[in-house]
PDB file of N, CA and C in Angstrom:
ATOM      1  N   MET A   1     116.666 -44.345   6.530  1.00  0.00           N
ATOM      2  CA  MET A   1     116.052 -43.103   6.145  1.00  0.00           C
ATOM      3  C   MET A   1     115.489 -43.211   4.729  1.00  0.00           C
ATOM      4  N   ALA A   2     116.171 -43.985   3.891  1.00  0.00           N
ATOM      5  CA  ALA A   2     115.701 -44.158   2.517  1.00  0.00           C
ATOM      6  C   ALA A   2     114.331 -44.816   2.493  1.00  0.00           C
ATOM      7  N   ASN A   3     114.106 -45.774   3.379  1.00  0.00           N
ATOM      8  CA  ASN A   3     112.802 -46.447   3.430  1.00  0.00           C
ATOM      9  C   ASN A   3     111.697 -45.480   3.821  1.00  0.00           C
ATOM     10  N   LYS A   4     111.962 -44.622   4.790  1.00  0.00           N
ATOM     11  CA  LYS A   4     110.955 -43.649   5.206  1.00  0.00           C
ATOM     12  C   LYS A   4     110.644 -42.665   4.082  1.00  0.00           C
ATOM     13  N   LEU A   5     111.683 -42.210   3.400  1.00  0.00           N
ATOM     14  CA  LEU A   5     111.462 -41.278   2.292  1.00  0.00           C
ATOM     15  C   LEU A   5     110.724 -41.952   1.141  1.00  0.00           C
ATOM     16  N   ALA A   6     111.004 -43.234   0.913  1.00  0.00           N
ATOM     17  CA  ALA A   6     110.367 -43.950  -0.190  1.00  0.00           C
ATOM     18  C   ALA A   6     108.864 -44.097   0.022  1.00  0.00           C
ATOM     19  N   ARG A   7     108.413 -44.091   1.265  1.00  0.00           N
ATOM     20  CA  ARG A   7     106.973 -44.171   1.529  1.00  0.00           C
ATOM     21  C   ARG A   7     106.241 -42.908   1.077  1.00  0.00           C
ATOM     22  N   ARG A   8     106.951 -41.783   1.039  1.00  0.00           N
ATOM     23  CA  ARG A   8     106.310 -40.513   0.688  1.00  0.00           C
ATOM     24  C   ARG A   8     106.653 -40.041  -0.722  1.00  0.00           C
ATOM     25  N   CYS A   9     107.764 -40.503  -1.250  1.00  0.00           N
ATOM     26  CA  CYS A   9     108.214 -40.060  -2.573  1.00  0.00           C
ATOM     27  C   CYS A   9     108.649 -41.282  -3.378  1.00  0.00           C
ATOM     28  N   LYS A  10     108.179 -41.397  -4.590  1.00  0.00           N
ATOM     29  CA  LYS A  10     108.490 -42.556  -5.433  1.00  0.00           C
ATOM     30  C   LYS A  10     109.723 -42.345  -6.302  1.00  0.00           C
ATOM     31  N   ASP A  11     110.281 -41.151  -6.328  1.00  0.00           N
ATOM     32  CA  ASP A  11     111.435 -40.833  -7.154  1.00  0.00           C
ATOM     33  C   ASP A  11     112.720 -41.285  -6.452  1.00  0.00           C
ATOM     34  N   GLU A  12     113.219 -42.472  -6.827  1.00  0.00           N
ATOM     35  CA  GLU A  12     114.399 -43.044  -6.174  1.00  0.00           C
ATOM     36  C   GLU A  12     115.662 -42.216  -6.410  1.00  0.00           C
ATOM     37  N   VAL A  13     115.774 -41.609  -7.577  1.00  0.00           N
ATOM     38  CA  VAL A  13     116.943 -40.793  -7.893  1.00  0.00           C
ATOM     39  C   VAL A  13     116.993 -39.574  -6.966  1.00  0.00           C
ATOM     40  N   LEU A  14     115.855 -38.951  -6.774  1.00  0.00           N
ATOM     41  CA  LEU A  14     115.769 -37.787  -5.883  1.00  0.00           C
ATOM     42  C   LEU A  14     116.135 -38.175  -4.449  1.00  0.00           C
ATOM     43  N   ILE A  15     115.659 -39.330  -4.014  1.00  0.00           N
ATOM     44  CA  ILE A  15     115.963 -39.802  -2.659  1.00  0.00           C
ATOM     45  C   ILE A  15     117.462 -40.021  -2.497  1.00  0.00           C
ATOM     46  N   GLU A  16     118.081 -40.666  -3.474  1.00  0.00           N
ATOM     47  CA  GLU A  16     119.537 -40.917  -3.411  1.00  0.00           C
ATOM     48  C   GLU A  16     120.326 -39.611  -3.392  1.00  0.00           C
ATOM     49  N   GLU A  17     119.910 -38.651  -4.229  1.00  0.00           N
ATOM     50  CA  GLU A  17     120.590 -37.356  -4.254  1.00  0.00           C
ATOM     51  C   GLU A  17     120.473 -36.656  -2.903  1.00  0.00           C
ATOM     52  N   LEU A  18     119.284 -36.695  -2.328  1.00  0.00           N
ATOM     53  CA  LEU A  18     119.055 -36.062  -1.032  1.00  0.00           C
ATOM     54  C   LEU A  18     119.903 -36.719   0.055  1.00  0.00           C
ATOM     55  N   LEU A  19     119.933 -38.041   0.073  1.00  0.00           N
ATOM     56  CA  LEU A  19     120.731 -38.749   1.083  1.00  0.00           C
ATOM     57  C   LEU A  19     122.223 -38.490   0.908  1.00  0.00           C
ATOM     58  N   ASP A  20     122.684 -38.433  -0.336  1.00  0.00           N
ATOM     59  CA  ASP A  20     124.092 -38.115  -0.592  1.00  0.00           C
ATOM     60  C   ASP A  20     124.436 -36.713  -0.106  1.00  0.00           C
ATOM     61  N   LYS A  21     123.541 -35.774  -0.356  1.00  0.00           N
ATOM     62  CA  LYS A  21     123.771 -34.395   0.074  1.00  0.00           C
ATOM     63  C   LYS A  21     123.798 -34.304   1.599  1.00  0.00           C
ATOM     64  N   LEU A  22     122.848 -34.943   2.266  1.00  0.00           N
ATOM     65  CA  LEU A  22     122.824 -34.935   3.734  1.00  0.00           C
ATOM     66  C   LEU A  22     124.079 -35.582   4.312  1.00  0.00           C
ATOM     67  N   SER A  23     124.510 -36.652   3.698  1.00  0.00           N
ATOM     68  CA  SER A  23     125.708 -37.352   4.172  1.00  0.00           C
ATOM     69  C   SER A  23     126.960 -36.500   3.971  1.00  0.00           C
ATOM     70  N   SER A  24     127.064 -35.853   2.821  1.00  0.00           N
ATOM     71  CA  SER A  24     128.253 -35.030   2.550  1.00  0.00           C
ATOM     72  C   SER A  24     128.315 -33.803   3.455  1.00  0.00           C
ATOM     73  N   GLU A  25     127.152 -33.325   3.898  1.00  0.00           N
ATOM     74  CA  GLU A  25     127.110 -32.177   4.805  1.00  0.00           C
ATOM     75  C   GLU A  25     127.236 -32.596   6.266  1.00  0.00           C
ATOM     76  N   GLY A  26     127.320 -33.904   6.503  1.00  0.00           N
ATOM     77  CA  GLY A  26     127.473 -34.402   7.865  1.00  0.00           C
ATOM     78  C   GLY A  26     126.186 -34.408   8.672  1.00  0.00           C
ATOM     79  N   LEU A  27     125.062 -34.306   7.997  1.00  0.00           N
ATOM     80  CA  LEU A  27     123.775 -34.278   8.693  1.00  0.00           C
ATOM     81  C   LEU A  27     123.168 -35.663   8.868  1.00  0.00           C
ATOM     82  N   GLN A  28     123.641 -36.619   8.088  1.00  0.00           N
ATOM     83  CA  GLN A  28     123.168 -37.989   8.189  1.00  0.00           C
ATOM     84  C   GLN A  28     124.382 -38.897   8.234  1.00  0.00           C
ATOM     85  N   SER A  29     124.445 -39.745   9.266  1.00  0.00           N
ATOM     86  CA  SER A  29     125.593 -40.618   9.422  1.00  0.00           C
ATOM     87  C   SER A  29     125.147 -41.956   9.990  1.00  0.00           C
ATOM     88  N   ASP A  30     125.406 -43.030   9.259  1.00  0.00           N
ATOM     89  CA  ASP A  30     125.088 -44.366   9.755  1.00  0.00           C
ATOM     90  C   ASP A  30     125.899 -44.685  11.006  1.00  0.00           C
ATOM     91  N   GLU A  31     127.123 -44.179  11.062  1.00  0.00           N
ATOM     92  CA  GLU A  31     127.987 -44.445  12.220  1.00  0.00           C
ATOM     93  C   GLU A  31     127.395 -43.830  13.490  1.00  0.00           C
ATOM     94  N   ARG A  32     126.992 -42.578  13.395  1.00  0.00           N
ATOM     95  CA  ARG A  32     126.393 -41.913  14.567  1.00  0.00           C
ATOM     96  C   ARG A  32     125.089 -42.581  14.963  1.00  0.00           C
ATOM     97  N   PHE A  33     124.288 -42.941  13.967  1.00  0.00           N
ATOM     98  CA  PHE A  33     123.022 -43.599  14.261  1.00  0.00           C
ATOM     99  C   PHE A  33     123.261 -44.935  14.960  1.00  0.00           C
ATOM    100  N   ALA A  34     124.194 -45.732  14.441  1.00  0.00           N
ATOM    101  CA  ALA A  34     124.473 -47.041  15.033  1.00  0.00           C
ATOM    102  C   ALA A  34     124.960 -46.891  16.468  1.00  0.00           C
ATOM    103  N   GLU A  35     125.866 -45.971  16.695  1.00  0.00           N
ATOM    104  CA  GLU A  35     126.395 -45.757  18.042  1.00  0.00           C
ATOM    105  C   GLU A  35     125.282 -45.334  19.004  1.00  0.00           C
ATOM    106  N   SER A  36     124.455 -44.403  18.586  1.00  0.00           N
ATOM    107  CA  SER A  36     123.363 -43.926  19.420  1.00  0.00           C
ATOM    108  C   SER A  36     122.338 -45.034  19.674  1.00  0.00           C
ATOM    109  N   PHE A  37     122.023 -45.793  18.641  1.00  0.00           N
ATOM    110  CA  PHE A  37     121.048 -46.870  18.763  1.00  0.00           C
ATOM    111  C   PHE A  37     121.546 -47.949  19.719  1.00  0.00           C
ATOM    112  N   ILE A  38     122.828 -48.278  19.648  1.00  0.00           N
ATOM    113  CA  ILE A  38     123.396 -49.297  20.531  1.00  0.00           C
ATOM    114  C   ILE A  38     123.334 -48.833  21.977  1.00  0.00           C
ATOM    115  N   HIS A  39     123.723 -47.600  22.242  1.00  0.00           N
ATOM    116  CA  HIS A  39     123.656 -47.081  23.614  1.00  0.00           C
ATOM    117  C   HIS A  39     122.219 -47.111  24.144  1.00  0.00           C
ATOM    118  N   HIS A  40     121.288 -46.708  23.321  1.00  0.00           N
ATOM    119  CA  HIS A  40     119.878 -46.713  23.714  1.00  0.00           C
ATOM    120  C   HIS A  40     119.391 -48.138  23.999  1.00  0.00           C
ATOM    121  N   SER A  41     119.767 -49.074  23.136  1.00  0.00           N
ATOM    122  CA  SER A  41     119.351 -50.468  23.301  1.00  0.00           C
ATOM    123  C   SER A  41     119.965 -51.099  24.543  1.00  0.00           C
ATOM    124  N   LEU A  42     121.216 -50.758  24.827  1.00  0.00           N
ATOM    125  CA  LEU A  42     121.856 -51.279  26.036  1.00  0.00           C
ATOM    126  C   LEU A  42     121.125 -50.777  27.281  1.00  0.00           C
ATOM    127  N   ASN A  43     120.723 -49.532  27.274  1.00  0.00           N
ATOM    128  CA  ASN A  43     119.983 -48.977  28.407  1.00  0.00           C
ATOM    129  C   ASN A  43     118.618 -49.646  28.578  1.00  0.00           C
ATOM    130  N   LYS A  44     118.068 -50.174  27.482  1.00  0.00           N
ATOM    131  CA  LYS A  44     116.803 -50.894  27.546  1.00  0.00           C
ATOM    132  C   LYS A  44     117.006 -52.356  27.937  1.00  0.00           C
ATOM    133  N   GLY A  45     118.260 -52.804  28.051  1.00  0.00           N
ATOM    134  CA  GLY A  45     118.546 -54.177  28.438  1.00  0.00           C
ATOM    135  C   GLY A  45     118.451 -55.177  27.309  1.00  0.00           C
ATOM    136  N   GLN A  46     118.755 -54.757  26.104  1.00  0.00           N
ATOM    137  CA  GLN A  46     118.697 -55.656  24.963  1.00  0.00           C
ATOM    138  C   GLN A  46     120.052 -56.286  24.705  1.00  0.00           C
ATOM    139  N   GLY A  47     120.021 -57.526  24.238  1.00  0.00           N
ATOM    140  CA  GLY A  47     121.235 -58.279  23.973  1.00  0.00           C
ATOM    141  C   GLY A  47     121.758 -58.066  22.564  1.00  0.00           C
ATOM    142  N   PRO A  48     122.912 -58.661  22.281  1.00  0.00           N
ATOM    143  CA  PRO A  48     123.571 -58.430  20.992  1.00  0.00           C
ATOM    144  C   PRO A  48     122.780 -58.922  19.788  1.00  0.00           C
ATOM    145  N   ASN A  49     122.073 -60.028  19.918  1.00  0.00           N
ATOM    146  CA  ASN A  49     121.317 -60.548  18.778  1.00  0.00           C
ATOM    147  C   ASN A  49     120.188 -59.605  18.373  1.00  0.00           C
ATOM    148  N   LYS A  50     119.480 -59.098  19.341  1.00  0.00           N
ATOM    149  CA  LYS A  50     118.357 -58.192  19.048  1.00  0.00           C
ATOM    150  C   LYS A  50     118.866 -56.864  18.482  1.00  0.00           C
ATOM    151  N   ILE A  51     119.937 -56.343  19.051  1.00  0.00           N
ATOM    152  CA  ILE A  51     120.500 -55.081  18.561  1.00  0.00           C
ATOM    153  C   ILE A  51     120.956 -55.243  17.115  1.00  0.00           C
ATOM    154  N   THR A  52     121.649 -56.340  16.842  1.00  0.00           N
ATOM    155  CA  THR A  52     122.128 -56.602  15.481  1.00  0.00           C
ATOM    156  C   THR A  52     120.968 -56.710  14.511  1.00  0.00           C
ATOM    157  N   GLN A  53     119.950 -57.468  14.889  1.00  0.00           N
ATOM    158  CA  GLN A  53     118.794 -57.656  14.020  1.00  0.00           C
ATOM    159  C   GLN A  53     118.094 -56.328  13.721  1.00  0.00           C
ATOM    160  N   GLU A  54     117.891 -55.512  14.737  1.00  0.00           N
ATOM    161  CA  GLU A  54     117.192 -54.247  14.530  1.00  0.00           C
ATOM    162  C   GLU A  54     118.008 -53.274  13.680  1.00  0.00           C
ATOM    163  N   LEU A  55     119.317 -53.253  13.869  1.00  0.00           N
ATOM    164  CA  LEU A  55     120.147 -52.376  13.035  1.00  0.00           C
ATOM    165  C   LEU A  55     120.170 -52.860  11.586  1.00  0.00           C
ATOM    166  N   ARG A  56     120.193 -54.165  11.385  1.00  0.00           N
ATOM    167  CA  ARG A  56     120.168 -54.697  10.018  1.00  0.00           C
ATOM    168  C   ARG A  56     118.844 -54.344   9.332  1.00  0.00           C
ATOM    169  N   GLN A  57     117.743 -54.392  10.088  1.00  0.00           N
ATOM    170  CA  GLN A  57     116.444 -54.023   9.516  1.00  0.00           C
ATOM    171  C   GLN A  57     116.413 -52.556   9.118  1.00  0.00           C
ATOM    172  N   ARG A  58     117.213 -51.747   9.787  1.00  0.00           N
ATOM    173  CA  ARG A  58     117.263 -50.322   9.480  1.00  0.00           C
ATOM    174  C   ARG A  58     118.300 -49.997   8.411  1.00  0.00           C
ATOM    175  N   GLY A  59     118.915 -51.035   7.830  1.00  0.00           N
ATOM    176  CA  GLY A  59     119.816 -50.842   6.703  1.00  0.00           C
ATOM    177  C   GLY A  59     121.257 -50.544   7.066  1.00  0.00           C
ATOM    178  N   ILE A  60     121.652 -50.795   8.303  1.00  0.00           N
ATOM    179  CA  ILE A  60     123.036 -50.575   8.708  1.00  0.00           C
ATOM    180  C   ILE A  60     123.852 -51.806   8.332  1.00  0.00           C
ATOM    181  N   GLU A  61     125.013 -51.592   7.750  1.00  0.00           N
ATOM    182  CA  GLU A  61     125.858 -52.694   7.297  1.00  0.00           C
ATOM    183  C   GLU A  61     126.332 -53.554   8.468  1.00  0.00           C
ATOM    184  N   GLN A  62     126.411 -54.870   8.220  1.00  0.00           N
ATOM    185  CA  GLN A  62     126.824 -55.831   9.247  1.00  0.00           C
ATOM    186  C   GLN A  62     128.206 -55.494   9.805  1.00  0.00           C
ATOM    187  N   MET A  63     129.121 -55.090   8.948  1.00  0.00           N
ATOM    188  CA  MET A  63     130.475 -54.755   9.391  1.00  0.00           C
ATOM    189  C   MET A  63     130.460 -53.601  10.395  1.00  0.00           C
ATOM    190  N   LEU A  64     129.657 -52.600  10.128  1.00  0.00           N
ATOM    191  CA  LEU A  64     129.543 -51.446  11.019  1.00  0.00           C
ATOM    192  C   LEU A  64     128.916 -51.847  12.350  1.00  0.00           C
ATOM    193  N   VAL A  65     127.910 -52.699  12.302  1.00  0.00           N
ATOM    194  CA  VAL A  65     127.255 -53.175  13.524  1.00  0.00           C
ATOM    195  C   VAL A  65     128.259 -53.931  14.389  1.00  0.00           C
ATOM    196  N   GLU A  66     128.983 -54.856  13.788  1.00  0.00           N
ATOM    197  CA  GLU A  66     129.968 -55.646  14.534  1.00  0.00           C
ATOM    198  C   GLU A  66     131.060 -54.751  15.112  1.00  0.00           C
ATOM    199  N   GLN A  67     131.490 -53.775  14.334  1.00  0.00           N
ATOM    200  CA  GLN A  67     132.531 -52.861  14.790  1.00  0.00           C
ATOM    201  C   GLN A  67     132.101 -52.140  16.072  1.00  0.00           C
ATOM    202  N   TYR A  68     130.887 -51.625  16.094  1.00  0.00           N
ATOM    203  CA  TYR A  68     130.429 -50.893  17.271  1.00  0.00           C
ATOM    204  C   TYR A  68     130.142 -51.813  18.448  1.00  0.00           C
ATOM    205  N   LEU A  69     129.587 -52.987  18.190  1.00  0.00           N
ATOM    206  CA  LEU A  69     129.309 -53.913  19.290  1.00  0.00           C
ATOM    207  C   LEU A  69     130.594 -54.414  19.933  1.00  0.00           C
ATOM    208  N   GLU A  70     131.648 -54.600  19.139  1.00  0.00           N
ATOM    209  CA  GLU A  70     132.923 -55.069  19.681  1.00  0.00           C
ATOM    210  C   GLU A  70     133.718 -53.936  20.319  1.00  0.00           C
ATOM    211  N   SER A  71     133.616 -52.729  19.790  1.00  0.00           N
ATOM    212  CA  SER A  71     134.424 -51.625  20.296  1.00  0.00           C
ATOM    213  C   SER A  71     133.905 -51.077  21.619  1.00  0.00           C
ATOM    214  N   GLU A  72     132.666 -51.349  21.930  1.00  0.00           N
ATOM    215  CA  GLU A  72     132.075 -50.825  23.157  1.00  0.00           C
ATOM    216  C   GLU A  72     132.556 -51.567  24.402  1.00  0.00           C
ATOM    217  N   SER A  73     133.242 -52.683  24.235  1.00  0.00           N
ATOM    218  CA  SER A  73     133.690 -53.533  25.345  1.00  0.00           C
ATOM    219  C   SER A  73     132.564 -53.749  26.351  1.00  0.00           C
ATOM    220  N   ILE A  74     131.470 -54.295  25.845  1.00  0.00           N
ATOM    221  CA  ILE A  74     130.267 -54.521  26.633  1.00  0.00           C
ATOM    222  C   ILE A  74     130.377 -55.869  27.337  1.00  0.00           C
ATOM    223  N   ASP A  75     130.038 -55.896  28.611  1.00  0.00           N
ATOM    224  CA  ASP A  75     129.999 -57.143  29.363  1.00  0.00           C
ATOM    225  C   ASP A  75     128.580 -57.695  29.259  1.00  0.00           C
ATOM    226  N   TRP A  76     128.359 -58.570  28.260  1.00  0.00           N
ATOM    227  CA  TRP A  76     127.028 -59.082  27.987  1.00  0.00           C
ATOM    228  C   TRP A  76     126.495 -59.927  29.134  1.00  0.00           C
ATOM    229  N   MET A  77     127.385 -60.636  29.819  1.00  0.00           N
ATOM    230  CA  MET A  77     126.945 -61.477  30.939  1.00  0.00           C
ATOM    231  C   MET A  77     126.394 -60.610  32.074  1.00  0.00           C
ATOM    232  N   SER A  78     127.078 -59.522  32.368  1.00  0.00           N
ATOM    233  CA  SER A  78     126.601 -58.621  33.425  1.00  0.00           C
ATOM    234  C   SER A  78     125.262 -57.996  33.045  1.00  0.00           C
ATOM    235  N   LEU A  79     125.127 -57.615  31.785  1.00  0.00           N
ATOM    236  CA  LEU A  79     123.877 -57.027  31.323  1.00  0.00           C
ATOM    237  C   LEU A  79     122.742 -58.044  31.406  1.00  0.00           C
ATOM    238  N   ALA A  80     123.015 -59.276  30.985  1.00  0.00           N
ATOM    239  CA  ALA A  80     121.991 -60.324  31.047  1.00  0.00           C
ATOM    240  C   ALA A  80     121.573 -60.589  32.489  1.00  0.00           C
ATOM    241  N   GLU A  81     122.538 -60.635  33.393  1.00  0.00           N
ATOM    242  CA  GLU A  81     122.225 -60.845  34.806  1.00  0.00           C
ATOM    243  C   GLU A  81     121.401 -59.686  35.356  1.00  0.00           C
ATOM    244  N   GLU A  82     121.773 -58.479  34.989  1.00  0.00           N
ATOM    245  CA  GLU A  82     121.042 -57.296  35.443  1.00  0.00           C
ATOM    246  C   GLU A  82     119.592 -57.326  34.966  1.00  0.00           C
ATOM    247  N   VAL A  83     119.388 -57.707  33.716  1.00  0.00           N
ATOM    248  CA  VAL A  83     118.044 -57.789  33.151  1.00  0.00           C
ATOM    249  C   VAL A  83     117.248 -58.893  33.845  1.00  0.00           C
ATOM    250  N   ARG A  84     117.888 -60.035  34.082  1.00  0.00           N
ATOM    251  CA  ARG A  84     117.216 -61.157  34.753  1.00  0.00           C
ATOM    252  C   ARG A  84     116.811 -60.778  36.177  1.00  0.00           C
ATOM    253  N   VAL A  85     117.723 -60.157  36.921  1.00  0.00           N
ATOM    254  CA  VAL A  85     117.453 -59.778  38.308  1.00  0.00           C
ATOM    255  C   VAL A  85     116.340 -58.740  38.372  1.00  0.00           C
ATOM    256  N   LYS A  86     116.330 -57.816  37.441  1.00  0.00           N
ATOM    257  CA  LYS A  86     115.292 -56.782  37.436  1.00  0.00           C
ATOM    258  C   LYS A  86     113.907 -57.404  37.238  1.00  0.00           C
ATOM    259  N   LYS A  87     113.828 -58.424  36.416  1.00  0.00           N
ATOM    260  CA  LYS A  87     112.545 -59.063  36.116  1.00  0.00           C
ATOM    261  C   LYS A  87     112.149 -60.108  37.166  1.00  0.00           C
ATOM    262  N   TYR A  88     113.117 -60.933  37.612  1.00  0.00           N
ATOM    263  CA  TYR A  88     112.790 -62.089  38.435  1.00  0.00           C
ATOM    264  C   TYR A  88     113.349 -62.051  39.852  1.00  0.00           C
ATOM    265  N   GLY A  89     114.146 -61.066  40.180  1.00  0.00           N
ATOM    266  CA  GLY A  89     114.704 -60.984  41.524  1.00  0.00           C
ATOM    267  C   GLY A  89     116.063 -61.656  41.625  1.00  0.00           C
ATOM    268  N   GLU A  90     116.650 -61.563  42.812  1.00  0.00           N
ATOM    269  CA  GLU A  90     118.014 -62.057  43.052  1.00  0.00           C
ATOM    270  C   GLU A  90     118.151 -63.567  42.974  1.00  0.00           C
ATOM    271  N   ASN A  91     117.131 -64.292  43.401  1.00  0.00           N
ATOM    272  CA  ASN A  91     117.237 -65.746  43.481  1.00  0.00           C
ATOM    273  C   ASN A  91     117.331 -66.390  42.111  1.00  0.00           C
ATOM    274  N   ALA A  92     118.277 -67.316  41.975  1.00  0.00           N
ATOM    275  CA  ALA A  92     118.427 -68.071  40.736  1.00  0.00           C
ATOM    276  C   ALA A  92     117.252 -69.035  40.594  1.00  0.00           C
ATOM    277  N   PRO A  93     116.889 -69.389  39.369  1.00  0.00           N
ATOM    278  CA  PRO A  93     115.767 -70.313  39.201  1.00  0.00           C
ATOM    279  C   PRO A  93     116.079 -71.660  39.849  1.00  0.00           C
ATOM    280  N   SER A  94     115.102 -72.190  40.604  1.00  0.00           N
ATOM    281  CA  SER A  94     115.346 -73.411  41.361  1.00  0.00           C
ATOM    282  C   SER A  94     114.877 -74.668  40.641  1.00  0.00           C
ATOM    283  N   ASP A  95     113.944 -74.537  39.733  1.00  0.00           N
ATOM    284  CA  ASP A  95     113.452 -75.723  39.024  1.00  0.00           C
ATOM    285  C   ASP A  95     113.492 -75.501  37.513  1.00  0.00           C
ATOM    286  N   TYR A  96     113.239 -76.576  36.801  1.00  0.00           N
ATOM    287  CA  TYR A  96     113.331 -76.540  35.351  1.00  0.00           C
ATOM    288  C   TYR A  96     112.341 -75.550  34.749  1.00  0.00           C
ATOM    289  N   GLN A  97     111.135 -75.490  35.287  1.00  0.00           N
ATOM    290  CA  GLN A  97     110.096 -74.619  34.737  1.00  0.00           C
ATOM    291  C   GLN A  97     110.501 -73.145  34.823  1.00  0.00           C
ATOM    292  N   ASN A  98     111.001 -72.721  35.968  1.00  0.00           N
ATOM    293  CA  ASN A  98     111.438 -71.325  36.125  1.00  0.00           C
ATOM    294  C   ASN A  98     112.671 -71.031  35.291  1.00  0.00           C
ATOM    295  N   LYS A  99     113.559 -72.011  35.209  1.00  0.00           N
ATOM    296  CA  LYS A  99     114.760 -71.834  34.389  1.00  0.00           C
ATOM    297  C   LYS A  99     114.370 -71.651  32.919  1.00  0.00           C
ATOM    298  N   ALA A 100     113.429 -72.443  32.441  1.00  0.00           N
ATOM    299  CA  ALA A 100     112.969 -72.342  31.054  1.00  0.00           C
ATOM    300  C   ALA A 100     112.277 -70.993  30.814  1.00  0.00           C
ATOM    301  N   LYS A 101     111.502 -70.558  31.781  1.00  0.00           N
ATOM    302  CA  LYS A 101     110.792 -69.276  31.666  1.00  0.00           C
ATOM    303  C   LYS A 101     111.788 -68.119  31.566  1.00  0.00           C
ATOM    304  N   GLN A 102     112.781 -68.116  32.437  1.00  0.00           N
ATOM    305  CA  GLN A 102     113.792 -67.054  32.413  1.00  0.00           C
ATOM    306  C   GLN A 102     114.638 -67.135  31.152  1.00  0.00           C
ATOM    307  N   SER A 103     114.898 -68.343  30.713  1.00  0.00           N
ATOM    308  CA  SER A 103     115.674 -68.536  29.491  1.00  0.00           C
ATOM    309  C   SER A 103     114.937 -67.955  28.288  1.00  0.00           C
ATOM    310  N   ARG A 104     113.652 -68.226  28.178  1.00  0.00           N
ATOM    311  CA  ARG A 104     112.850 -67.672  27.070  1.00  0.00           C
ATOM    312  C   ARG A 104     112.817 -66.149  27.124  1.00  0.00           C
ATOM    313  N   PHE A 105     112.700 -65.602  28.322  1.00  0.00           N
ATOM    314  CA  PHE A 105     112.683 -64.150  28.481  1.00  0.00           C
ATOM    315  C   PHE A 105     113.997 -63.538  27.985  1.00  0.00           C
ATOM    316  N   LEU A 106     115.113 -64.095  28.428  1.00  0.00           N
ATOM    317  CA  LEU A 106     116.416 -63.554  28.023  1.00  0.00           C
ATOM    318  C   LEU A 106     116.642 -63.726  26.518  1.00  0.00           C
ATOM    319  N   TYR A 107     116.165 -64.840  25.974  1.00  0.00           N
ATOM    320  CA  TYR A 107     116.303 -65.061  24.540  1.00  0.00           C
ATOM    321  C   TYR A 107     115.494 -64.015  23.771  1.00  0.00           C
ATOM    322  N   SER A 108     114.310 -63.676  24.276  1.00  0.00           N
ATOM    323  CA  SER A 108     113.488 -62.663  23.604  1.00  0.00           C
ATOM    324  C   SER A 108     114.121 -61.278  23.685  1.00  0.00           C
ATOM    325  N   ARG A 109     114.962 -61.061  24.670  1.00  0.00           N
ATOM    326  CA  ARG A 109     115.675 -59.792  24.809  1.00  0.00           C
ATOM    327  C   ARG A 109     116.909 -59.726  23.908  1.00  0.00           C
ATOM    328  N   GLY A 110     117.262 -60.849  23.281  1.00  0.00           N
ATOM    329  CA  GLY A 110     118.350 -60.823  22.313  1.00  0.00           C
ATOM    330  C   GLY A 110     119.665 -61.396  22.802  1.00  0.00           C
ATOM    331  N   PHE A 111     119.649 -62.116  23.900  1.00  0.00           N
ATOM    332  CA  PHE A 111     120.881 -62.745  24.379  1.00  0.00           C
ATOM    333  C   PHE A 111     121.023 -64.112  23.731  1.00  0.00           C
ATOM    334  N   SER A 112     122.255 -64.533  23.517  1.00  0.00           N
ATOM    335  CA  SER A 112     122.498 -65.811  22.845  1.00  0.00           C
ATOM    336  C   SER A 112     122.248 -66.980  23.790  1.00  0.00           C
ATOM    337  N   SER A 113     122.036 -68.138  23.216  1.00  0.00           N
ATOM    338  CA  SER A 113     121.784 -69.330  24.033  1.00  0.00           C
ATOM    339  C   SER A 113     123.006 -69.674  24.882  1.00  0.00           C
ATOM    340  N   GLU A 114     124.211 -69.389  24.395  1.00  0.00           N
ATOM    341  CA  GLU A 114     125.425 -69.639  25.178  1.00  0.00           C
ATOM    342  C   GLU A 114     125.467 -68.734  26.405  1.00  0.00           C
ATOM    343  N   GLN A 115     125.142 -67.467  26.204  1.00  0.00           N
ATOM    344  CA  GLN A 115     125.131 -66.516  27.331  1.00  0.00           C
ATOM    345  C   GLN A 115     124.076 -66.929  28.359  1.00  0.00           C
ATOM    346  N   ILE A 116     122.931 -67.338  27.882  1.00  0.00           N
ATOM    347  CA  ILE A 116     121.840 -67.720  28.781  1.00  0.00           C
ATOM    348  C   ILE A 116     122.207 -68.974  29.568  1.00  0.00           C
ATOM    349  N   SER A 117     122.766 -69.957  28.884  1.00  0.00           N
ATOM    350  CA  SER A 117     123.099 -71.198  29.595  1.00  0.00           C
ATOM    351  C   SER A 117     124.198 -70.967  30.630  1.00  0.00           C
ATOM    352  N   GLN A 118     125.162 -70.094  30.346  1.00  0.00           N
ATOM    353  CA  GLN A 118     126.192 -69.770  31.333  1.00  0.00           C
ATOM    354  C   GLN A 118     125.591 -69.039  32.523  1.00  0.00           C
ATOM    355  N   LEU A 119     124.647 -68.182  32.268  1.00  0.00           N
ATOM    356  CA  LEU A 119     124.038 -67.383  33.321  1.00  0.00           C
ATOM    357  C   LEU A 119     123.152 -68.215  34.239  1.00  0.00           C
ATOM    358  N   LEU A 120     122.406 -69.150  33.654  1.00  0.00           N
ATOM    359  CA  LEU A 120     121.423 -69.904  34.431  1.00  0.00           C
ATOM    360  C   LEU A 120     121.917 -71.269  34.877  1.00  0.00           C
ATOM    361  N   LYS A 121     123.208 -71.466  34.965  1.00  0.00           N
ATOM    362  CA  LYS A 121     123.760 -72.751  35.427  1.00  0.00           C
ATOM    363  C   LYS A 121     123.350 -73.044  36.832  1.00  0.00           C
TER     364      LYS A 121
END
C-alpha cells in the first residue's frame, strides 16, 4: 500500500503516519492480505514459488509468507496435478517433448522443480 500511495504523494512521513493509523484501527493488515492473496492464488492454480514471489513484491515479510503457506496444509502435488490435468488432460506425457512442455508450464505457474519431477515421472 505504501508503494501505491508513494506514486501519488511524495511526503513519506505522511504516508507512514497514515499507514500506522490504518493499521492501529484494524483497517490495514498484512496478515489478512497475505491470507486472502494465498487463497486467491491457490484458486488460480499457482504454486508456492510464484505466490511467495508475488507477496514479496508486495512488501509482505518472508516470515509471514512462510507461516501462511505452511499453516494452510496445502497439498502442492495435488494442486500441480489438477493444474496439469486441466491444461493437458488425464494422460501423462508420453515423450520427452511433451514432458518438457508440461514441465515448463508447471514451472511458470510457480511449482518447484522437485514437485514437477515427482509429478511427471
